[in-house]
Amino acid sequence: MRATNSKPEQLCCVSIDYQDFLMPAAVGMKVVELMQKAVSTERRFGGGRQYSPGDQPVLRLELVKPAEVQWDTADQVKTTRSTKLLSGS
């Protein structure tokens, strides 16, 4: 059970190639660990599905301070959904 005065969960930013994802740090470490065994692929259709393996993605994990997260208050639905995802609710 969490104490009411507990610190907020540590967040991180995981970059996979040129796409960034904000998530709890514990989850981010798992994502990076799993993605180290992945390669990109090109899917082709026509005559059945075919996959051509490519290169390993560029991965990066950075810890994020709470003050560095700026919530978009103009989009309340998106902000509420993001807050719930990041807090594990």
Protein backbone atom coordinates (compact mmCIF):
# COMPACT_ATOMS: atom_id res chain seq x y z
CA MET A 1 0.00 0.00 0.00
CA ARG A 2 1.32 3.43 -0.95
CA ALA A 3 1.71 6.14 1.66
CA THR A 4 -0.27 9.29 0.91
CA ASN A 5 2.91 11.41 1.00
CA SER A 6 4.89 9.11 -1.31
CA LYS A 7 6.98 10.53 -4.13
CA PRO A 8 5.56 10.42 -7.64
CA GLU A 9 6.77 7.49 -9.72
CA GLN A 10 10.04 8.10 -11.59
CA LEU A 11 9.36 8.68 -15.28
CA CYS A 12 11.62 8.21 -18.27
CA CYS A 13 11.70 8.93 -21.97
CA VAL A 14 12.46 5.94 -24.18
CA SER A 15 13.55 6.79 -27.72
CA ILE A 16 13.22 4.12 -30.38
CA ASP A 17 14.84 5.45 -33.54
CA TYR A 18 13.23 8.90 -33.82
CA GLN A 19 10.06 8.27 -31.79
CA ASP A 20 9.92 9.23 -28.08
CA PHE A 21 7.72 7.62 -25.41
CA LEU A 22 7.11 8.85 -21.85
CA MET A 23 6.57 6.04 -19.33
CA PRO A 24 7.40 4.89 -15.79
CA ALA A 25 11.14 4.20 -15.53
CA ALA A 26 10.67 0.56 -14.50
CA VAL A 27 8.62 -0.07 -17.64
CA GLY A 28 11.10 1.84 -19.80
CA MET A 29 13.97 -0.36 -18.67
CA LYS A 30 11.98 -3.46 -19.66
CA VAL A 31 11.10 -1.97 -23.05
CA VAL A 32 14.76 -1.20 -23.81
CA GLU A 33 15.83 -4.65 -22.62
CA LEU A 34 13.30 -6.32 -24.93
CA MET A 35 13.96 -4.04 -27.92
CA GLN A 36 17.69 -4.86 -27.83
CA LYS A 37 16.74 -8.20 -29.38
CA ALA A 38 14.56 -6.65 -32.12
CA VAL A 39 15.28 -5.54 -35.67
CA SER A 40 13.20 -3.39 -37.96
CA THR A 41 11.26 -5.09 -40.71
CA GLU A 42 9.65 -4.22 -43.98
CA ARG A 43 6.32 -5.92 -44.59
CA ARG A 44 5.25 -6.76 -48.10
CA PHE A 45 1.83 -7.89 -49.19
CA GLY A 46 0.74 -9.62 -52.33
CA GLY A 47 1.05 -13.35 -52.71
CA GLY A 48 1.03 -13.67 -48.91
CA ARG A 49 2.76 -11.67 -46.23
CA GLN A 50 6.53 -11.37 -46.39
CA TYR A 51 8.92 -9.79 -43.91
CA SER A 52 12.42 -8.49 -44.68
CA PRO A 53 14.54 -8.04 -41.54
CA GLY A 54 16.47 -4.81 -41.27
CA ASP A 55 18.67 -3.07 -38.72
CA GLN A 56 18.54 -2.94 -34.95
CA PRO A 57 16.74 0.24 -33.79
CA VAL A 58 18.59 3.05 -32.04
CA LEU A 59 17.49 2.93 -28.38
CA ARG A 60 17.90 5.52 -25.64
CA LEU A 61 16.49 5.87 -22.12
CA GLU A 62 16.57 9.16 -20.19
CA LEU A 63 15.20 9.74 -16.71
CA VAL A 64 12.68 12.60 -16.61
CA LYS A 65 12.20 15.01 -13.72
CA PRO A 66 8.57 15.77 -12.79
CA ALA A 67 9.14 19.47 -13.58
CA GLU A 68 10.13 18.53 -17.14
CA VAL A 69 6.67 17.10 -17.93
CA GLN A 70 4.35 19.77 -19.32
CA TRP A 71 0.73 18.66 -19.50
CA ASP A 72 -1.37 20.09 -22.33
CA THR A 73 -4.25 21.55 -20.34
CA ALA A 74 -6.10 22.50 -23.54
CA ASP A 75 -6.83 18.82 -24.23
CA GLN A 76 -8.29 17.64 -20.92
CA VAL A 77 -9.32 14.18 -22.20
CA LYS A 78 -5.82 13.41 -23.48
CA THR A 79 -4.23 14.79 -20.30
CA THR A 80 -6.48 12.69 -18.05
CA ARG A 81 -5.82 9.52 -20.07
CA SER A 82 -2.04 10.15 -20.08
CA THR A 83 -1.99 10.83 -16.34
CA LYS A 84 -3.79 7.55 -15.64
CA LEU A 85 -1.43 5.58 -17.90
CA LEU A 86 1.69 7.07 -16.35
CA SER A 87 0.48 6.61 -12.80
CA GLY A 88 -0.56 3.01 -13.38
CA SER A 89 -4.23 3.71 -12.61
